[in-house]
């Protein structure tokens, strides 16, 4: 009885594998290079500029602190031999103060810029996802994979250009 059950299960599994194999052969599969679509989007170039403008004052302040710190360090190195101990100490304190300000302002600024970049990138990736869905629906694709998930595909399966055109129409 157990032998008969095993044969029945094996036959059922083999039959389902054959059916699913033929069903897969009928699927229309597309491949999209999301990274190239993202880079070709006009909005992608604007992101960096917009973020730079958004944080311009803070970036300028941090850049000025870096210049001040570099100036003080160069001055200390250049004039240390002719400075009094008091002057050296004051200059070292200025350098330390600049370093503390840089740590206090630089790292949060970098984190804020990264956060905003991620927010904007995610918005664009959402547009790309909508475009992929639209192209897949319009062209009748059953499955669309990203190009980095595929080791090889024929060029006829690449829908990246169609997706890029769809994204450009969206805006």
N, C-alpha and C. Protein backbone atom coordinates (compact mmCIF):
# COMPACT_ATOMS: atom_id res chain seq x y z
N UNK A 1 0.82 -1.20 0.00
CA UNK A 1 0.00 0.00 0.00
C UNK A 1 0.86 1.26 0.00
N UNK A 2 1.90 1.25 0.85
CA UNK A 2 2.80 2.40 0.88
C UNK A 2 3.51 2.58 -0.45
N UNK A 3 3.87 1.48 -1.08
CA UNK A 3 4.53 1.52 -2.38
C UNK A 3 3.64 2.18 -3.42
N UNK A 4 2.36 1.84 -3.41
CA UNK A 4 1.40 2.40 -4.36
C UNK A 4 1.25 3.91 -4.12
N UNK A 5 1.23 4.33 -2.86
CA UNK A 5 1.11 5.76 -2.52
C UNK A 5 2.34 6.52 -3.01
N UNK A 6 3.51 5.93 -2.85
CA UNK A 6 4.73 6.58 -3.31
C UNK A 6 4.72 6.75 -4.82
N UNK A 7 4.29 5.73 -5.54
CA UNK A 7 4.22 5.82 -7.00
C UNK A 7 3.20 6.88 -7.43
N UNK A 8 2.09 6.93 -6.73
CA UNK A 8 1.07 7.91 -7.05
C UNK A 8 1.60 9.33 -6.85
N UNK A 9 2.29 9.58 -5.73
CA UNK A 9 2.86 10.91 -5.44
C UNK A 9 3.92 11.26 -6.47
N UNK A 10 4.78 10.30 -6.80
CA UNK A 10 5.83 10.55 -7.79
C UNK A 10 5.24 10.87 -9.15
N UNK A 11 4.20 10.17 -9.53
CA UNK A 11 3.54 10.41 -10.82
C UNK A 11 2.89 11.79 -10.83
N UNK A 12 2.26 12.14 -9.73
CA UNK A 12 1.61 13.46 -9.64
C UNK A 12 2.64 14.57 -9.73
N UNK A 13 3.78 14.41 -9.06
CA UNK A 13 4.83 15.43 -9.10
C UNK A 13 5.42 15.55 -10.50
N UNK A 14 5.66 14.42 -11.15
CA UNK A 14 6.20 14.45 -12.51
C UNK A 14 5.21 15.11 -13.46
N UNK A 15 3.94 14.79 -13.31
CA UNK A 15 2.91 15.39 -14.16
C UNK A 15 2.82 16.88 -13.96
N UNK A 16 2.88 17.36 -12.72
CA UNK A 16 2.80 18.80 -12.47
C UNK A 16 4.04 19.51 -12.97
N UNK A 17 5.19 18.85 -12.91
CA UNK A 17 6.42 19.46 -13.43
C UNK A 17 6.33 19.63 -14.94
N UNK A 18 5.78 18.63 -15.62
CA UNK A 18 5.64 18.72 -17.07
C UNK A 18 4.65 19.81 -17.45
N UNK A 19 3.56 19.90 -16.73
CA UNK A 19 2.55 20.92 -17.02
C UNK A 19 3.11 22.31 -16.76
N UNK A 20 3.79 22.50 -15.62
CA UNK A 20 4.33 23.82 -15.31
C UNK A 20 5.44 24.19 -16.28
N UNK A 21 6.20 23.21 -16.77
CA UNK A 21 7.24 23.49 -17.76
C UNK A 21 6.65 24.00 -19.06
N UNK A 22 5.58 23.41 -19.50
CA UNK A 22 4.96 23.88 -20.73
C UNK A 22 4.27 25.21 -20.53
N UNK A 23 3.75 25.44 -19.35
CA UNK A 23 3.11 26.72 -19.06
C UNK A 23 4.16 27.83 -19.04
N UNK A 24 5.34 27.54 -18.51
CA UNK A 24 6.41 28.54 -18.46
C UNK A 24 6.88 28.90 -19.86
N UNK A 25 6.87 27.93 -20.76
CA UNK A 25 7.33 28.19 -22.12
C UNK A 25 6.41 29.18 -22.82
N UNK A 26 5.19 29.29 -22.39
CA UNK A 26 4.23 30.19 -23.02
C UNK A 26 4.25 31.60 -22.41
N UNK A 27 4.99 31.79 -21.35
CA UNK A 27 5.02 33.10 -20.70
C UNK A 27 5.85 34.09 -21.50
N UNK A 28 5.44 35.34 -21.46
CA UNK A 28 6.19 36.41 -22.10
C UNK A 28 7.00 37.10 -21.00
N UNK A 29 8.32 37.07 -21.14
CA UNK A 29 9.21 37.57 -20.10
C UNK A 29 9.99 38.76 -20.64
N UNK A 30 10.07 39.81 -19.84
CA UNK A 30 10.83 40.99 -20.20
C UNK A 30 11.92 41.26 -19.17
N UNK A 31 12.92 42.01 -19.61
CA UNK A 31 14.04 42.37 -18.74
C UNK A 31 14.21 43.88 -18.82
N UNK A 32 14.44 44.51 -17.69
CA UNK A 32 14.64 45.96 -17.67
C UNK A 32 15.88 46.28 -16.84
N UNK A 33 16.69 47.20 -17.36
CA UNK A 33 17.89 47.67 -16.65
C UNK A 33 17.49 48.94 -15.89
N UNK A 34 17.08 48.76 -14.65
CA UNK A 34 16.56 49.87 -13.85
C UNK A 34 17.63 50.94 -13.65
N UNK A 35 18.87 50.53 -13.44
CA UNK A 35 19.95 51.49 -13.21
C UNK A 35 20.15 52.41 -14.42
N UNK A 36 20.16 51.85 -15.61
CA UNK A 36 20.34 52.70 -16.80
C UNK A 36 19.13 53.59 -17.03
N UNK A 37 17.94 53.08 -16.76
CA UNK A 37 16.74 53.91 -16.88
C UNK A 37 16.82 55.07 -15.89
N UNK A 38 17.21 54.77 -14.66
CA UNK A 38 17.33 55.81 -13.62
C UNK A 38 18.32 56.89 -14.05
N UNK A 39 19.48 56.46 -14.54
CA UNK A 39 20.52 57.42 -14.93
C UNK A 39 20.12 58.25 -16.14
N UNK A 40 19.29 57.69 -17.01
CA UNK A 40 18.88 58.40 -18.22
C UNK A 40 17.70 59.35 -17.97
N UNK A 41 17.09 59.24 -16.81
CA UNK A 41 15.94 60.10 -16.51
C UNK A 41 16.40 61.54 -16.33
N UNK A 42 15.70 62.49 -16.91
CA UNK A 42 16.07 63.90 -16.73
C UNK A 42 15.98 64.33 -15.26
N UNK A 43 15.06 63.74 -14.52
CA UNK A 43 14.87 64.11 -13.12
C UNK A 43 16.07 63.70 -12.27
N UNK A 44 16.79 62.66 -12.67
CA UNK A 44 17.93 62.18 -11.88
C UNK A 44 19.02 63.24 -11.79
N UNK A 45 19.24 63.95 -12.88
CA UNK A 45 20.26 65.00 -12.88
C UNK A 45 19.85 66.17 -12.00
N UNK A 46 18.57 66.42 -11.93
CA UNK A 46 18.06 67.54 -11.14
C UNK A 46 18.17 67.29 -9.65
N UNK A 47 18.12 66.03 -9.25
CA UNK A 47 18.13 65.70 -7.82
C UNK A 47 19.35 66.28 -7.13
N UNK A 48 20.51 66.02 -7.68
CA UNK A 48 21.75 66.48 -7.05
C UNK A 48 21.76 68.01 -6.94
N UNK A 49 21.38 68.68 -8.02
CA UNK A 49 21.35 70.15 -8.00
C UNK A 49 20.37 70.69 -6.98
N UNK A 50 19.18 70.09 -6.92
CA UNK A 50 18.16 70.54 -5.97
C UNK A 50 18.62 70.35 -4.53
N UNK A 51 19.25 69.24 -4.26
CA UNK A 51 19.73 68.97 -2.90
C UNK A 51 20.87 69.93 -2.54
N UNK A 52 21.76 70.19 -3.50
CA UNK A 52 22.83 71.15 -3.25
C UNK A 52 22.27 72.53 -2.93
N UNK A 53 21.23 72.91 -3.64
CA UNK A 53 20.62 74.22 -3.38
C UNK A 53 19.88 74.23 -2.04
N UNK A 54 19.25 73.11 -1.71
CA UNK A 54 18.50 73.01 -0.46
C UNK A 54 19.42 73.17 0.76
N UNK A 55 20.62 72.62 0.67
CA UNK A 55 21.55 72.64 1.81
C UNK A 55 22.72 73.60 1.57
N UNK A 56 22.57 74.52 0.63
CA UNK A 56 23.67 75.40 0.23
C UNK A 56 24.30 76.15 1.40
N UNK A 57 23.48 76.76 2.24
CA UNK A 57 24.03 77.55 3.34
C UNK A 57 24.83 76.68 4.31
N UNK A 58 24.30 75.52 4.62
CA UNK A 58 25.00 74.62 5.54
C UNK A 58 26.29 74.08 4.91
N UNK A 59 26.24 73.77 3.62
CA UNK A 59 27.44 73.29 2.93
C UNK A 59 28.50 74.37 2.91
N UNK A 60 28.09 75.59 2.63
CA UNK A 60 29.04 76.71 2.62
C UNK A 60 29.67 76.91 4.00
N UNK A 61 28.87 76.78 5.03
CA UNK A 61 29.37 76.94 6.40
C UNK A 61 30.41 75.86 6.73
N UNK A 62 30.12 74.63 6.38
CA UNK A 62 31.06 73.54 6.64
C UNK A 62 32.33 73.72 5.81
N UNK A 63 32.18 74.13 4.57
CA UNK A 63 33.36 74.38 3.72
C UNK A 63 34.23 75.48 4.31
N UNK A 64 33.59 76.52 4.83
CA UNK A 64 34.36 77.61 5.45
C UNK A 64 35.09 77.12 6.69
N UNK A 65 34.43 76.30 7.48
CA UNK A 65 35.09 75.73 8.66
C UNK A 65 36.30 74.89 8.25
N UNK A 66 36.17 74.13 7.17
CA UNK A 66 37.30 73.32 6.70
C UNK A 66 38.46 74.21 6.25
N UNK A 67 38.12 75.28 5.54
CA UNK A 67 39.17 76.22 5.11
C UNK A 67 39.85 76.87 6.31
N UNK A 68 39.04 77.28 7.30
CA UNK A 68 39.62 77.90 8.50
C UNK A 68 40.54 76.93 9.23
N UNK A 69 40.09 75.70 9.38
CA UNK A 69 40.91 74.69 10.05
C UNK A 69 42.20 74.44 9.31
N UNK A 70 42.12 74.37 7.99
CA UNK A 70 43.32 74.14 7.18
C UNK A 70 44.26 75.35 7.30
N UNK A 71 43.71 76.56 7.29
CA UNK A 71 44.52 77.77 7.42
C UNK A 71 45.26 77.78 8.77
N UNK A 72 44.53 77.49 9.85
CA UNK A 72 45.15 77.49 11.17
C UNK A 72 46.23 76.41 11.28
N UNK A 73 45.98 75.24 10.72
CA UNK A 73 46.95 74.15 10.78
C UNK A 73 48.20 74.50 9.99
N UNK A 74 48.02 75.08 8.81
CA UNK A 74 49.17 75.49 8.00
C UNK A 74 49.96 76.59 8.69
N UNK A 75 49.26 77.51 9.30
CA UNK A 75 49.93 78.60 10.00
C UNK A 75 50.73 78.07 11.18
N UNK A 76 50.14 77.14 11.93
CA UNK A 76 50.85 76.54 13.05
C UNK A 76 52.09 75.81 12.57
N UNK A 77 51.98 75.06 11.50
CA UNK A 77 53.10 74.31 10.97
C UNK A 77 54.19 75.25 10.44
N UNK A 78 53.77 76.30 9.74
CA UNK A 78 54.70 77.22 9.11
C UNK A 78 55.40 78.13 10.13
N UNK A 79 54.65 78.65 11.11
CA UNK A 79 55.18 79.66 12.02
C UNK A 79 55.48 79.15 13.42
N UNK A 80 55.41 77.87 13.64
CA UNK A 80 55.59 77.32 14.99
C UNK A 80 56.94 77.69 15.58
N UNK A 81 57.97 77.74 14.76
CA UNK A 81 59.32 78.03 15.26
C UNK A 81 59.44 79.46 15.79
N UNK A 82 58.67 80.38 15.26
CA UNK A 82 58.78 81.78 15.68
C UNK A 82 57.68 82.20 16.66
N UNK A 83 56.75 81.31 16.97
CA UNK A 83 55.63 81.64 17.86
C UNK A 83 56.02 81.41 19.31
N UNK A 84 55.38 82.19 20.16
CA UNK A 84 55.54 81.94 21.59
C UNK A 84 54.65 80.75 21.98
N UNK A 85 54.88 80.21 23.14
CA UNK A 85 54.07 79.07 23.60
C UNK A 85 52.61 79.47 23.73
N UNK A 86 52.34 80.69 24.16
CA UNK A 86 50.97 81.17 24.30
C UNK A 86 50.28 81.22 22.93
N UNK A 87 50.98 81.74 21.91
CA UNK A 87 50.41 81.82 20.57
C UNK A 87 50.13 80.42 20.00
N UNK A 88 51.06 79.49 20.23
CA UNK A 88 50.87 78.12 19.78
C UNK A 88 49.64 77.50 20.44
N UNK A 89 49.53 77.75 21.74
CA UNK A 89 48.40 77.18 22.49
C UNK A 89 47.08 77.74 21.98
N UNK A 90 47.04 79.05 21.75
CA UNK A 90 45.81 79.68 21.24
C UNK A 90 45.45 79.14 19.86
N UNK A 91 46.43 78.97 19.00
CA UNK A 91 46.18 78.46 17.66
C UNK A 91 45.73 77.00 17.72
N UNK A 92 46.31 76.21 18.59
CA UNK A 92 45.88 74.82 18.76
C UNK A 92 44.45 74.76 19.29
N UNK A 93 44.08 75.68 20.16
CA UNK A 93 42.71 75.73 20.66
C UNK A 93 41.74 76.10 19.54
N UNK A 94 42.15 77.04 18.66
CA UNK A 94 41.31 77.40 17.52
C UNK A 94 41.11 76.19 16.60
N UNK A 95 42.20 75.47 16.37
CA UNK A 95 42.12 74.28 15.51
C UNK A 95 41.18 73.26 16.14
N UNK A 96 41.31 73.05 17.44
CA UNK A 96 40.44 72.10 18.13
C UNK A 96 38.97 72.56 18.08
N UNK A 97 38.75 73.85 18.24
CA UNK A 97 37.39 74.40 18.16
C UNK A 97 36.78 74.18 16.79
N UNK A 98 37.57 74.38 15.74
CA UNK A 98 37.09 74.18 14.38
C UNK A 98 36.76 72.71 14.17
N UNK A 99 37.61 71.82 14.66
CA UNK A 99 37.35 70.38 14.53
C UNK A 99 36.05 69.98 15.22
N UNK A 100 35.83 70.54 16.39
CA UNK A 100 34.59 70.23 17.13
C UNK A 100 33.37 70.75 16.36
N UNK A 101 33.47 71.96 15.82
CA UNK A 101 32.36 72.50 15.03
C UNK A 101 32.10 71.67 13.78
N UNK A 102 33.19 71.22 13.14
CA UNK A 102 33.02 70.36 11.96
C UNK A 102 32.32 69.06 12.33
N UNK A 103 32.71 68.47 13.44
CA UNK A 103 32.06 67.23 13.86
C UNK A 103 30.60 67.48 14.21
N UNK A 104 30.34 68.63 14.81
CA UNK A 104 28.98 68.98 15.23
C UNK A 104 28.07 69.30 14.05
N UNK A 105 28.62 69.90 13.01
CA UNK A 105 27.80 70.34 11.88
C UNK A 105 27.97 69.46 10.64
N UNK A 106 29.15 68.93 10.44
CA UNK A 106 29.43 68.18 9.21
C UNK A 106 28.71 66.85 9.12
N UNK A 107 28.76 66.06 10.18
CA UNK A 107 28.14 64.74 10.14
C UNK A 107 26.61 64.82 10.02
N UNK A 108 25.93 65.67 10.80
CA UNK A 108 24.48 65.79 10.60
C UNK A 108 24.11 66.29 9.20
N UNK A 109 24.92 67.20 8.67
CA UNK A 109 24.66 67.69 7.31
C UNK A 109 24.78 66.55 6.31
N UNK A 110 25.82 65.76 6.44
CA UNK A 110 26.02 64.62 5.54
C UNK A 110 24.86 63.63 5.65
N UNK A 111 24.39 63.40 6.86
CA UNK A 111 23.27 62.49 7.07
C UNK A 111 21.98 63.06 6.45
N UNK A 112 21.76 64.36 6.61
CA UNK A 112 20.57 65.00 6.03
C UNK A 112 20.60 64.94 4.50
N UNK A 113 21.77 65.19 3.93
CA UNK A 113 21.90 65.13 2.47
C UNK A 113 21.63 63.70 1.99
N UNK A 114 22.19 62.71 2.69
CA UNK A 114 21.98 61.31 2.32
C UNK A 114 20.50 60.94 2.43
N UNK A 115 19.85 61.38 3.50
CA UNK A 115 18.44 61.09 3.70
C UNK A 115 17.59 61.68 2.56
N UNK A 116 17.85 62.94 2.22
CA UNK A 116 17.10 63.60 1.15
C UNK A 116 17.37 62.94 -0.20
N UNK A 117 18.62 62.55 -0.43
CA UNK A 117 18.96 61.85 -1.68
C UNK A 117 18.19 60.55 -1.79
N UNK A 118 18.12 59.83 -0.69
CA UNK A 118 17.38 58.56 -0.69
C UNK A 118 15.89 58.79 -0.93
N UNK A 119 15.33 59.84 -0.32
CA UNK A 119 13.91 60.15 -0.53
C UNK A 119 13.63 60.43 -2.00
N UNK A 120 14.47 61.25 -2.61
CA UNK A 120 14.27 61.61 -4.01
C UNK A 120 14.49 60.41 -4.92
N UNK A 121 15.52 59.62 -4.61
CA UNK A 121 15.79 58.41 -5.40
C UNK A 121 14.61 57.45 -5.33
N UNK A 122 14.05 57.29 -4.14
CA UNK A 122 12.91 56.39 -3.99
C UNK A 122 11.69 56.87 -4.76
N UNK A 123 11.49 58.19 -4.84
CA UNK A 123 10.40 58.73 -5.65
C UNK A 123 10.58 58.35 -7.12
N UNK A 124 11.81 58.50 -7.61
CA UNK A 124 12.07 58.17 -9.01
C UNK A 124 11.95 56.67 -9.25
N UNK A 125 12.40 55.87 -8.31
CA UNK A 125 12.25 54.42 -8.46
C UNK A 125 10.78 54.03 -8.47
N UNK A 126 9.96 54.77 -7.73
CA UNK A 126 8.51 54.54 -7.77
C UNK A 126 7.95 54.84 -9.15
N UNK A 127 8.42 55.92 -9.78
CA UNK A 127 7.99 56.24 -11.14
C UNK A 127 8.43 55.15 -12.12
N UNK A 128 9.64 54.66 -11.92
CA UNK A 128 10.14 53.58 -12.80
C UNK A 128 9.28 52.34 -12.62
N UNK A 129 8.93 52.01 -11.39
CA UNK A 129 8.10 50.84 -11.11
C UNK A 129 6.74 50.99 -11.81
N UNK A 130 6.15 52.17 -11.71
CA UNK A 130 4.87 52.41 -12.39
C UNK A 130 5.02 52.26 -13.90
N UNK A 131 6.13 52.75 -14.44
CA UNK A 131 6.36 52.65 -15.88
C UNK A 131 6.53 51.19 -16.30
N UNK A 132 7.27 50.43 -15.49
CA UNK A 132 7.45 48.99 -15.78
C UNK A 132 6.10 48.30 -15.78
N UNK A 133 5.29 48.58 -14.77
CA UNK A 133 3.95 47.98 -14.70
C UNK A 133 3.12 48.35 -15.92
N UNK A 134 3.19 49.61 -16.32
CA UNK A 134 2.42 50.07 -17.48
C UNK A 134 2.86 49.40 -18.77
N UNK A 135 4.18 49.32 -18.98
CA UNK A 135 4.69 48.68 -20.20
C UNK A 135 4.35 47.20 -20.19
N UNK A 136 4.51 46.55 -19.04
CA UNK A 136 4.22 45.11 -18.94
C UNK A 136 2.75 44.84 -19.24
N UNK A 137 1.89 45.67 -18.72
CA UNK A 137 0.45 45.48 -18.97
C UNK A 137 0.11 45.73 -20.43
N UNK A 138 0.64 46.82 -20.97
CA UNK A 138 0.34 47.20 -22.36
C UNK A 138 0.87 46.15 -23.34
N UNK A 139 2.07 45.64 -23.10
CA UNK A 139 2.71 44.69 -24.02
C UNK A 139 2.38 43.24 -23.71
N UNK A 140 1.68 42.99 -22.60
CA UNK A 140 1.26 41.63 -22.27
C UNK A 140 2.35 40.76 -21.67
N UNK A 141 3.27 41.35 -20.93
CA UNK A 141 4.32 40.56 -20.28
C UNK A 141 3.76 39.88 -19.04
N UNK A 142 4.13 38.62 -18.86
CA UNK A 142 3.74 37.88 -17.67
C UNK A 142 4.72 38.09 -16.54
N UNK A 143 5.97 38.38 -16.90
CA UNK A 143 7.02 38.50 -15.91
C UNK A 143 8.05 39.50 -16.41
N UNK A 144 8.46 40.43 -15.54
CA UNK A 144 9.52 41.37 -15.88
C UNK A 144 10.57 41.27 -14.78
N UNK A 145 11.80 41.02 -15.19
CA UNK A 145 12.91 40.89 -14.26
C UNK A 145 13.87 42.06 -14.42
N UNK A 146 14.60 42.37 -13.36
CA UNK A 146 15.65 43.38 -13.48
C UNK A 146 16.86 42.72 -14.12
N UNK A 147 17.63 43.50 -14.85
CA UNK A 147 18.75 42.94 -15.60
C UNK A 147 19.82 42.35 -14.68
N UNK A 148 19.95 42.88 -13.46
CA UNK A 148 20.96 42.32 -12.57
C UNK A 148 20.53 40.98 -11.98
N UNK A 149 19.27 40.59 -12.17
CA UNK A 149 18.79 39.29 -11.70
C UNK A 149 18.90 38.23 -12.79
N UNK A 150 19.34 38.63 -13.99
CA UNK A 150 19.40 37.74 -15.14
C UNK A 150 20.85 37.66 -15.62
N UNK A 151 21.34 36.46 -15.83
CA UNK A 151 22.70 36.35 -16.32
C UNK A 151 22.78 36.51 -17.84
N UNK A 152 21.71 36.17 -18.55
CA UNK A 152 21.68 36.34 -20.00
C UNK A 152 20.23 36.50 -20.46
N UNK A 153 20.04 37.38 -21.40
CA UNK A 153 18.74 37.46 -22.07
C UNK A 153 18.98 38.03 -23.47
N UNK A 154 18.12 37.64 -24.38
CA UNK A 154 18.21 38.18 -25.73
C UNK A 154 17.77 39.63 -25.69
N UNK A 155 18.31 40.40 -26.59
CA UNK A 155 18.00 41.83 -26.62
C UNK A 155 16.52 42.09 -26.85
N UNK A 156 15.85 41.18 -27.52
CA UNK A 156 14.43 41.36 -27.80
C UNK A 156 13.59 41.37 -26.52
N UNK A 157 14.13 40.85 -25.43
CA UNK A 157 13.41 40.82 -24.16
C UNK A 157 13.63 42.10 -23.34
N UNK A 158 14.58 42.93 -23.75
CA UNK A 158 14.92 44.14 -23.00
C UNK A 158 13.88 45.22 -23.26
N UNK A 159 13.20 45.64 -22.22
CA UNK A 159 12.16 46.67 -22.36
C UNK A 159 12.59 47.99 -21.71
N UNK A 160 13.89 48.14 -21.45
CA UNK A 160 14.40 49.34 -20.77
C UNK A 160 14.05 50.61 -21.51
N UNK A 161 14.20 50.60 -22.83
CA UNK A 161 13.91 51.80 -23.63
C UNK A 161 12.44 52.17 -23.54
N UNK A 162 11.58 51.18 -23.59
CA UNK A 162 10.14 51.44 -23.49
C UNK A 162 9.80 52.01 -22.11
N UNK A 163 10.45 51.48 -21.09
CA UNK A 163 10.21 51.98 -19.73
C UNK A 163 10.67 53.43 -19.61
N UNK A 164 11.85 53.73 -20.17
CA UNK A 164 12.37 55.10 -20.13
C UNK A 164 11.42 56.04 -20.86
N UNK A 165 10.93 55.65 -22.00
CA UNK A 165 9.97 56.49 -22.74
C UNK A 165 8.69 56.70 -21.92
N UNK A 166 8.24 55.68 -21.25
CA UNK A 166 7.03 55.78 -20.41
C UNK A 166 7.27 56.75 -19.25
N UNK A 167 8.45 56.67 -18.64
CA UNK A 167 8.78 57.58 -17.52
C UNK A 167 8.84 59.02 -18.01
N UNK A 168 9.41 59.22 -19.18
CA UNK A 168 9.50 60.58 -19.74
C UNK A 168 8.11 61.14 -20.04
N UNK A 169 7.18 60.29 -20.46
CA UNK A 169 5.81 60.74 -20.72
C UNK A 169 5.09 61.11 -19.44
N UNK A 170 5.47 60.46 -18.34
CA UNK A 170 4.82 60.71 -17.04
C UNK A 170 5.03 62.15 -16.60
N UNK A 171 6.18 62.70 -16.91
CA UNK A 171 6.47 64.06 -16.43
C UNK A 171 6.30 65.08 -17.50
